[in-house]
Protein backbone atom coordinates (compact mmCIF):
# COMPACT_ATOMS: atom_id res chain seq x y z
CA MET A 1 -2.43 22.67 -4.63
CA THR A 2 -1.76 19.38 -6.60
CA THR A 3 -2.20 20.39 -10.18
CA GLN A 4 1.49 21.57 -10.78
CA GLU A 5 2.74 18.91 -13.27
CA ASN A 6 5.65 16.80 -12.66
CA THR A 7 7.62 14.28 -14.38
CA TYR A 8 7.91 10.82 -12.77
CA VAL A 9 10.00 8.02 -13.66
CA ALA A 10 8.53 4.58 -12.51
CA LYS A 11 11.11 1.64 -12.26
CA THR A 12 9.93 -2.05 -12.78
CA PHE A 13 11.74 -5.03 -13.67
CA ALA A 14 12.57 -6.04 -17.91
CA GLY A 15 9.97 -7.14 -19.60
CA LEU A 16 7.02 -5.28 -17.71
CA GLU A 17 7.29 -2.51 -18.80
CA PRO A 18 3.99 -2.31 -21.08
CA VAL A 19 1.89 -4.02 -18.05
CA LEU A 20 3.53 -1.10 -16.07
CA MET A 21 2.75 1.60 -18.74
CA LYS A 22 -1.29 0.33 -18.93
CA GLU A 23 -1.44 0.73 -14.83
CA LEU A 24 -0.27 4.26 -15.40
CA GLU A 25 -2.06 5.30 -18.06
CA ALA A 26 -5.43 3.92 -16.26
CA LEU A 27 -4.80 5.63 -13.26
CA GLY A 28 -4.21 9.08 -14.93
CA GLY A 29 -0.66 9.33 -15.98
CA THR A 30 0.16 11.76 -18.87
CA ASP A 31 3.18 11.53 -21.64
CA VAL A 32 3.48 7.80 -20.58
CA GLN A 33 6.82 6.73 -22.32
CA LEU A 34 8.53 3.41 -21.93
CA LEU A 35 12.00 3.34 -20.90
CA ARG A 36 14.31 0.39 -19.91
CA ARG A 37 13.08 -1.40 -17.00
CA ALA A 38 10.82 1.80 -16.29
CA VAL A 39 8.21 3.99 -17.41
CA SER A 40 8.04 7.74 -17.85
CA PHE A 41 5.03 9.71 -16.74
CA LYS A 42 3.89 13.28 -15.94
CA GLY A 43 0.94 13.86 -13.01
CA ASP A 44 0.49 16.07 -10.34
CA LYS A 45 0.87 15.00 -6.17
CA GLN A 46 -2.20 13.46 -6.27
CA LEU A 47 -1.18 11.33 -9.22
CA LEU A 48 2.21 10.20 -7.76
CA TYR A 49 0.11 9.38 -4.02
CA ARG A 50 -2.26 7.21 -6.56
CA ALA A 51 0.66 5.69 -8.13
CA ASN A 52 2.60 4.65 -4.89
CA ILE A 53 -0.85 3.19 -3.07
CA TRP A 54 -1.94 1.39 -6.69
CA CYS A 55 0.95 0.21 -8.81
CA ARG A 56 1.21 -3.70 -8.64
CA THR A 57 4.44 -3.47 -11.30
CA ALA A 58 6.38 -0.78 -10.25
CA LEU A 59 9.55 -1.12 -7.87
CA SER A 60 9.81 2.32 -6.82
CA ILE A 61 8.66 5.84 -8.38
CA LEU A 62 11.77 8.60 -8.80
CA HIS A 63 10.22 12.44 -8.68
CA HIS A 64 12.78 13.96 -11.19
CA GLN A 65 14.25 17.32 -9.56
CA THR A 66 17.09 18.72 -12.00
CA GLU A 67 19.37 18.01 -14.41
CA PHE A 68 22.78 19.85 -15.58
CA ASN A 69 25.98 19.34 -17.62
CA PHE A 70 29.39 19.48 -15.98
CA SER A 71 32.91 19.48 -16.95
CA THR A 72 34.93 18.38 -13.68
CA LYS A 73 34.35 16.81 -10.40
CA ASP A 74 34.63 19.94 -8.71
CA ASP A 75 31.81 21.82 -10.95
CA PHE A 76 29.51 18.65 -10.38
CA TYR A 77 29.92 19.19 -6.71
CA GLU A 78 29.23 22.93 -7.17
CA GLN A 79 26.28 22.76 -8.99
CA LEU A 80 25.04 19.85 -6.73
CA ARG A 81 25.50 22.19 -3.84
CA GLU A 82 23.83 24.97 -5.39
CA PHE A 83 20.49 23.15 -5.81
CA ASP A 84 17.86 24.19 -3.30
CA TRP A 85 17.67 21.12 -1.34
CA SER A 86 16.20 23.05 2.01
CA GLY A 87 13.41 23.76 -0.33
CA LEU A 88 12.55 19.88 -0.91
CA PHE A 89 13.03 18.36 2.99
CA GLY A 90 14.66 19.84 6.14
CA PRO A 91 18.08 18.59 7.62
CA ASP A 92 16.36 16.62 10.45
CA LYS A 93 15.91 13.90 7.72
CA THR A 94 18.22 10.91 7.21
CA ILE A 95 19.50 10.62 3.87
CA SER A 96 21.12 7.96 1.33
CA ILE A 97 22.55 8.48 -1.88
CA ARG A 98 21.94 5.76 -4.29
CA ALA A 99 24.72 6.61 -7.28
CA ALA A 100 25.19 5.25 -10.69
CA ALA A 101 27.58 6.73 -13.59
CA HIS A 102 27.63 5.45 -17.58
CA ASN A 103 30.32 6.13 -20.33
CA THR A 104 32.23 8.56 -18.11
CA GLU A 105 36.00 9.31 -17.65
CA ILE A 106 35.18 11.75 -14.66
CA PHE A 107 33.80 9.56 -12.32
CA ASN A 108 35.07 5.96 -12.76
CA ASN A 109 34.10 4.78 -9.11
CA THR A 110 30.59 4.89 -7.92
CA LEU A 111 31.15 5.01 -4.45
CA PHE A 112 32.97 8.27 -4.78
CA LEU A 113 30.61 9.63 -6.82
CA ALA A 114 27.76 9.00 -3.95
CA GLN A 115 30.47 10.33 -1.04
CA LEU A 116 30.66 13.42 -3.30
CA SER A 117 26.96 13.95 -4.11
CA LYS A 118 26.23 13.60 -0.03
CA ASP A 119 29.52 16.37 0.81
CA ALA A 120 27.67 18.30 -2.04
CA ILE A 121 24.38 17.90 -0.42
CA ALA A 122 25.32 18.21 3.44
CA ASP A 123 27.34 21.36 2.56
CA HIS A 124 24.62 23.32 1.11
CA PHE A 125 22.42 22.56 4.40
CA ARG A 126 25.40 23.72 6.31
CA ASP A 127 25.33 26.85 4.71
CA LYS A 128 21.94 27.13 4.64
CA THR A 129 20.95 26.15 8.04
CA GLY A 130 23.90 25.28 10.00
CA ARG A 131 22.96 21.79 10.31
CA ARG A 132 23.81 18.57 8.06
CA PRO A 133 21.45 15.96 7.28
CA ASP A 134 22.64 12.22 8.71
CA VAL A 135 23.20 9.18 6.24
CA ASP A 136 21.34 6.18 6.80
CA VAL A 137 22.18 3.80 4.24
CA SER A 138 19.69 1.00 5.25
CA ASN A 139 16.44 3.13 6.23
CA ALA A 140 16.61 6.80 4.84
CA GLN A 141 13.68 9.13 5.41
CA VAL A 142 14.70 11.06 1.92
CA ARG A 143 16.51 8.41 -0.74
CA ILE A 144 18.39 10.56 -3.35
CA THR A 145 19.32 9.27 -6.94
CA ILE A 146 22.06 10.38 -8.60
CA ASN A 147 22.46 9.12 -12.52
CA VAL A 148 25.80 10.54 -14.63
CA ASN A 149 25.61 9.63 -18.24
CA LYS A 150 28.74 11.18 -19.66
CA ASP A 151 29.03 14.98 -18.74
CA ASN A 152 25.33 14.58 -17.40
CA CYS A 153 23.78 14.16 -13.94
CA MET A 154 19.95 13.85 -13.52
CA VAL A 155 18.83 13.94 -9.71
CA ALA A 156 15.62 12.36 -8.53
CA LEU A 157 14.28 11.64 -5.20
CA ASP A 158 12.77 8.17 -4.65
CA SER A 159 8.65 9.06 -3.54
CA SER A 160 8.47 5.72 -2.67
CA GLY A 161 10.73 5.01 -0.12
CA GLU A 162 10.75 1.37 1.12
CA ALA A 163 10.62 -0.65 -2.12
CA LEU A 164 6.82 -1.27 -3.34
CA PHE A 165 7.18 -5.24 -3.83
CA LYS A 166 7.35 -4.94 0.50
CA ARG A 167 3.24 -5.32 0.55
CA GLY A 168 3.43 -6.40 4.00
CA TYR A 169 1.89 -9.96 3.70
CA ARG A 170 5.33 -12.33 3.10
CA LYS A 171 6.13 -12.66 7.07
CA ALA A 172 7.96 -15.96 5.80
CA SER A 173 9.20 -17.27 2.72
CA GLY A 174 10.67 -20.40 1.20
CA PRO A 175 14.23 -21.14 -0.80
CA ALA A 176 14.12 -18.61 -3.95
CA PRO A 177 10.50 -16.63 -3.22
CA ILE A 178 9.01 -14.98 -6.37
CA ASN A 179 9.32 -11.14 -6.20
CA GLU A 180 5.79 -9.99 -5.46
CA VAL A 181 6.17 -7.40 -8.33
CA LEU A 182 7.50 -9.91 -10.73
CA ALA A 183 4.36 -12.02 -9.82
CA ALA A 184 1.47 -9.60 -9.92
CA GLY A 185 3.61 -8.37 -13.26
CA LEU A 186 3.14 -12.32 -14.65
CA ILE A 187 -0.75 -12.67 -13.55
CA MET A 188 -1.21 -9.39 -15.86
CA LEU A 189 1.08 -10.90 -18.75
CA SER A 190 -0.61 -14.22 -18.83
CA GLU A 191 -4.09 -12.23 -19.68
CA TRP A 192 -6.17 -13.82 -16.75
CA ASP A 193 -9.47 -12.53 -17.05
CA GLY A 194 -9.59 -12.05 -12.84
CA GLN A 195 -12.71 -14.37 -12.90
CA ARG A 196 -12.17 -17.69 -14.16
CA THR A 197 -10.71 -20.66 -11.89
CA PHE A 198 -6.96 -19.63 -10.53
CA LEU A 199 -4.42 -22.40 -9.91
CA ASP A 200 -1.07 -22.17 -7.91
CA PRO A 201 0.22 -25.96 -8.15
CA MET A 202 3.62 -25.19 -6.97
CA CYS A 203 2.82 -22.30 -4.56
CA GLY A 204 5.90 -22.40 -2.67
CA SER A 205 4.84 -19.14 -0.05
CA GLY A 206 1.96 -18.49 -2.09
CA THR A 207 3.00 -15.24 -3.83
CA PHE A 208 1.04 -16.12 -7.20
CA SER A 209 -2.27 -16.73 -5.39
CA ILE A 210 -2.02 -13.91 -3.23
CA GLU A 211 -1.29 -11.41 -5.76
CA ALA A 212 -4.17 -12.85 -8.07
CA ALA A 213 -6.96 -12.27 -5.32
CA MET A 214 -5.79 -8.94 -4.81
CA ILE A 215 -6.10 -8.55 -8.18
CA ASN A 216 -9.49 -9.69 -8.26
CA ALA A 217 -10.90 -8.03 -5.08
CA ASN A 218 -9.04 -4.70 -6.38
CA MET A 219 -7.15 -4.47 -3.64
CA ALA A 220 -4.68 -1.44 -3.86
CA PRO A 221 -0.95 -3.15 -2.94
CA GLY A 222 0.11 0.22 -1.08
CA ALA A 223 -3.46 0.71 1.18
CA GLU A 224 -2.39 -0.29 4.16
CA ARG A 225 1.36 1.27 4.00
CA LYS A 226 1.87 4.34 6.61
CA THR A 227 4.48 5.92 5.13
CA PHE A 228 6.37 6.55 1.51
CA GLY A 229 9.01 8.29 0.81
CA PHE A 230 7.03 11.58 -0.17
CA SER A 231 5.87 11.52 3.49
CA TYR A 232 8.91 13.15 4.55
CA TRP A 233 9.55 15.86 1.97
CA ASN A 234 8.91 19.12 2.29
CA ASP A 235 5.88 19.59 0.51
CA PHE A 236 3.89 16.34 1.52
CA ASP A 237 -0.02 16.84 2.05
CA PRO A 238 -1.12 14.56 4.77
CA GLU A 239 -4.91 15.14 3.98
CA LEU A 240 -4.51 14.38 0.51
CA PHE A 241 -2.83 10.97 1.33
CA ALA A 242 -5.16 10.12 4.08
CA GLU A 243 -7.66 10.57 1.36
CA GLU A 244 -6.19 8.55 -1.54
CA LYS A 245 -5.96 5.86 0.98
CA ALA A 246 -9.73 5.94 1.76
CA ALA A 247 -10.49 5.82 -1.50
CA ALA A 248 -8.20 2.81 -2.23
CA LEU A 249 -9.76 0.81 0.58
CA ASP A 250 -13.09 1.67 -0.35
CA GLN A 251 -12.73 0.22 -3.41
CA ARG A 252 -11.98 -3.42 -2.10
CA LYS A 253 -14.14 -6.06 -2.83
CA PRO A 254 -14.46 -9.33 -2.20
CA VAL A 255 -12.90 -12.13 -3.94
CA SER A 256 -14.86 -13.79 -5.94
CA ALA A 257 -12.72 -16.17 -8.45
CA ARG A 258 -11.85 -19.41 -7.47
CA ILE A 259 -8.10 -19.63 -6.06
CA ILE A 260 -5.99 -22.61 -5.11
CA ALA A 261 -2.83 -22.86 -3.75
CA SER A 262 -1.49 -25.86 -3.89
CA ASP A 263 2.12 -27.68 -3.23
CA ASN A 264 3.58 -31.32 -2.02
CA LYS A 265 5.71 -30.13 0.94
CA GLY A 266 3.27 -29.45 4.19
CA PHE A 267 5.86 -26.87 5.50
CA MET A 268 5.37 -24.42 2.81
CA LEU A 269 1.51 -24.94 3.07
CA ASP A 270 1.96 -23.47 6.21
CA ILE A 271 4.12 -20.51 5.33
CA ALA A 272 1.20 -20.04 2.35
CA ARG A 273 -1.33 -19.96 4.96
CA GLN A 274 0.86 -17.51 7.27
CA ASN A 275 1.24 -14.63 4.32
CA THR A 276 -2.40 -15.24 3.21
CA MET A 277 -3.68 -14.50 6.98
CA HIS A 278 -1.46 -11.59 6.88
CA ALA A 279 -2.45 -10.57 3.22
CA GLY A 280 -6.06 -10.36 4.74
CA LEU A 281 -7.39 -13.28 2.82
CA MET A 282 -7.78 -15.96 4.96
CA GLY A 283 -10.80 -18.04 3.26
CA SER A 284 -10.59 -16.45 0.02
CA ILE A 285 -7.81 -18.35 -1.28
CA THR A 286 -8.02 -22.01 -1.09
CA VAL A 287 -4.67 -23.75 0.43
CA GLN A 288 -4.23 -27.36 -0.07
CA ARG A 289 -1.55 -30.20 -0.44
CA ASN A 290 -1.20 -31.93 -3.80
CA ASP A 291 1.80 -33.29 -5.71
CA PHE A 292 1.26 -31.08 -9.22
CA PHE A 293 2.31 -34.28 -11.38
CA SER A 294 -1.00 -36.37 -9.62
CA TYR A 295 -3.50 -33.26 -9.34
CA ARG A 296 -6.62 -33.29 -10.47
CA PRO A 297 -7.83 -29.51 -11.67
CA PRO A 298 -11.28 -28.30 -11.21
CA ALA A 299 -12.98 -29.11 -14.10
CA ASN A 300 -13.82 -25.69 -14.95
CA PRO A 301 -11.34 -24.56 -17.04
CA GLY A 302 -9.34 -21.29 -16.14
CA TRP A 303 -5.54 -20.33 -15.48
CA VAL A 304 -2.57 -22.26 -14.13
CA LEU A 305 0.86 -20.71 -13.18
CA LEU A 306 4.23 -22.35 -12.83
CA ASN A 307 7.29 -21.29 -11.21
CA PRO A 308 9.31 -24.66 -11.21
CA PRO A 309 12.38 -25.35 -9.22
CA TYR A 310 15.74 -25.00 -10.63
CA GLY A 311 19.37 -23.77 -9.31
CA GLN A 312 22.83 -25.63 -9.14
CA ARG A 313 21.09 -28.52 -7.08
CA MET A 314 19.36 -29.93 -9.89
CA LYS A 315 21.47 -31.69 -12.60
CA TYR A 316 20.75 -30.82 -16.36
CA ASN A 317 18.75 -34.57 -16.91
CA ASP A 318 16.56 -33.86 -13.73
CA ILE A 319 15.38 -30.37 -15.34
CA ARG A 320 14.74 -31.75 -18.51
CA VAL A 321 13.37 -34.73 -17.25
CA MET A 322 11.16 -32.88 -14.72
CA HIS A 323 9.98 -30.08 -17.61
CA THR A 324 9.15 -33.36 -20.26
CA ASP A 325 6.46 -34.52 -17.18
CA ILE A 326 5.12 -30.90 -16.32
CA GLY A 327 4.68 -30.76 -20.16
CA ASP A 328 2.78 -34.73 -20.25
CA THR A 329 0.73 -33.34 -17.07
CA LEU A 330 -0.34 -30.21 -18.80
CA LYS A 331 -1.85 -32.04 -21.99
CA LYS A 332 -3.21 -34.88 -19.77
CA ARG A 333 -4.86 -32.87 -17.04
CA PHE A 334 -5.32 -29.53 -18.08
CA SER A 335 -7.10 -29.48 -21.21
CA GLY A 336 -9.03 -26.13 -21.96
CA TYR A 337 -6.51 -24.29 -19.15
CA CYS A 338 -4.41 -21.20 -20.16
CA ALA A 339 -1.01 -21.97 -18.84
CA GLY A 340 2.21 -19.37 -17.68
CA ILE A 341 5.67 -20.88 -17.35
CA ILE A 342 8.71 -18.79 -16.00
CA SER A 343 11.98 -20.54 -15.91
CA PRO A 344 15.83 -19.34 -16.80
CA GLU A 345 15.81 -23.09 -18.28
CA MET A 346 15.43 -22.12 -21.77
CA ASP A 347 16.74 -25.27 -23.17
CA ALA A 348 14.83 -27.15 -20.62
CA MET A 349 11.53 -25.51 -21.79
CA LYS A 350 11.82 -27.33 -25.47
CA HIS A 351 11.41 -30.35 -23.05
CA LEU A 352 7.55 -29.42 -22.26
CA GLY A 353 6.23 -30.67 -25.94
CA LEU A 354 4.53 -27.20 -26.11
CA LYS A 355 4.03 -24.49 -28.37
CA PRO A 356 3.76 -21.60 -26.56
CA LYS A 357 0.99 -18.53 -27.38
CA ARG A 358 3.56 -16.27 -26.49
CA LYS A 359 7.04 -15.71 -24.91
CA VAL A 360 7.60 -12.71 -22.88
CA PRO A 361 11.89 -12.28 -21.91
CA VAL A 362 11.81 -11.49 -17.90
CA PHE A 363 14.03 -11.15 -15.56
CA ASN A 364 13.72 -13.14 -11.64
CA GLY A 365 16.34 -11.08 -9.74
CA PRO A 366 19.17 -11.62 -11.83
CA LEU A 367 18.30 -14.52 -13.95
CA PRO A 368 17.23 -13.79 -17.62
CA CYS A 369 14.07 -16.23 -17.68
CA THR A 370 11.38 -16.60 -20.12
CA PHE A 371 7.68 -16.35 -19.37
CA ASN A 372 5.98 -18.68 -21.84
CA ILE A 373 1.98 -18.77 -22.03
CA TYR A 374 0.36 -22.10 -23.59
CA GLU A 375 -3.12 -22.59 -24.57
CA LEU A 376 -3.72 -26.68 -23.64
CA PHE A 377 -6.30 -28.37 -25.41
CA GLU A 378 -7.16 -32.25 -26.38
CA GLY A 379 -5.94 -33.43 -30.21
CA LYS A 380 -3.97 -32.24 -32.52
CA ARG A 381 -2.88 -28.24 -32.96
CA LYS A 382 -4.48 -27.85 -36.39
CA GLU A 383 -7.61 -28.65 -35.55
CA PHE A 384 -8.02 -26.51 -32.36
CA VAL A 385 -6.53 -23.64 -34.38
CA ALA A 386 -9.27 -24.36 -36.81
CA LYS A 387 -12.00 -24.43 -34.45
CA ARG A 388 -10.89 -21.28 -32.63
CA LYS A 389 -10.80 -19.64 -36.09
CA ARG A 390 -14.52 -20.80 -36.53
CA LEU A 391 -15.83 -19.36 -32.92
């Protein structure tokens, strides 16, 4: 049966929660609620499989198992040991524990919390079956999350296993590649219509272009994946999983939008071509060598997304000049386009000389960034706004 309703939590990057919420609602999730860097929702087993296969902006999807209050470390251990772990998976599966503790004096060391949790789970299996599951820190089949807040503990299983941003197409990358989930989320935040020209003129390893092509082609990012975390649970339904994968593959269609990935470095274009090929999108994305600052975009307006270089190797004056040049290039050559730019350089972004239509705070890894969306036009902004109101 797949009709039993369960509680799930989909993890994501800060700033992408509203996009993920829309994805989950479209897939059939109920009681969908925004959390910090996450979205909670309810649904059955079929929805869990479907969400893992289809969600573009989820990093992982947790299946809530139990919650309890405790007063001491011994009390915590006993309650966790008594939980029916053997009803979820067998002792032949490898496990890992991800532990977090907040606002608690009982557990001021997350490593100890993880170790005590592992002992409680292993002792449960020893008592029930005479066997203890092995621990695999790097590639466990069953991944367990323990979240302690004050005297409360929430326990969940990671249904995704390997992180969902690992689509499988990125076999190579350049320095500081953008995460696939973040790239997809920024494209969706940019409100690209999925049809007009999409330009990725500082493409690096091609992630923006590949994610845009996948969106346009209705390619489910997890449809080619053989296993997820839920594949190792006792209630895994291989037939249902196969049906959901087949249904996802059947919904793929040819790429209809013009998507151009370009860069001024030949070795990055080689990487972008490799990744495009591994994504099964060779011929659907145009990969070409161009310098953004001398680039002549197609006449038919569309969208342009940029992730400009930054970092300790660039002096502030260099970053400021680069952003000034980016703004000048966008104003002179990209009239009629919409532009999205992500950058941690908040001050340098002011030197673009453009007024953003929208600003979204996001994170690129540990770096706080802003994702700004611009409407590009000729002439004065007042005239552009007045003309748009008349349309």
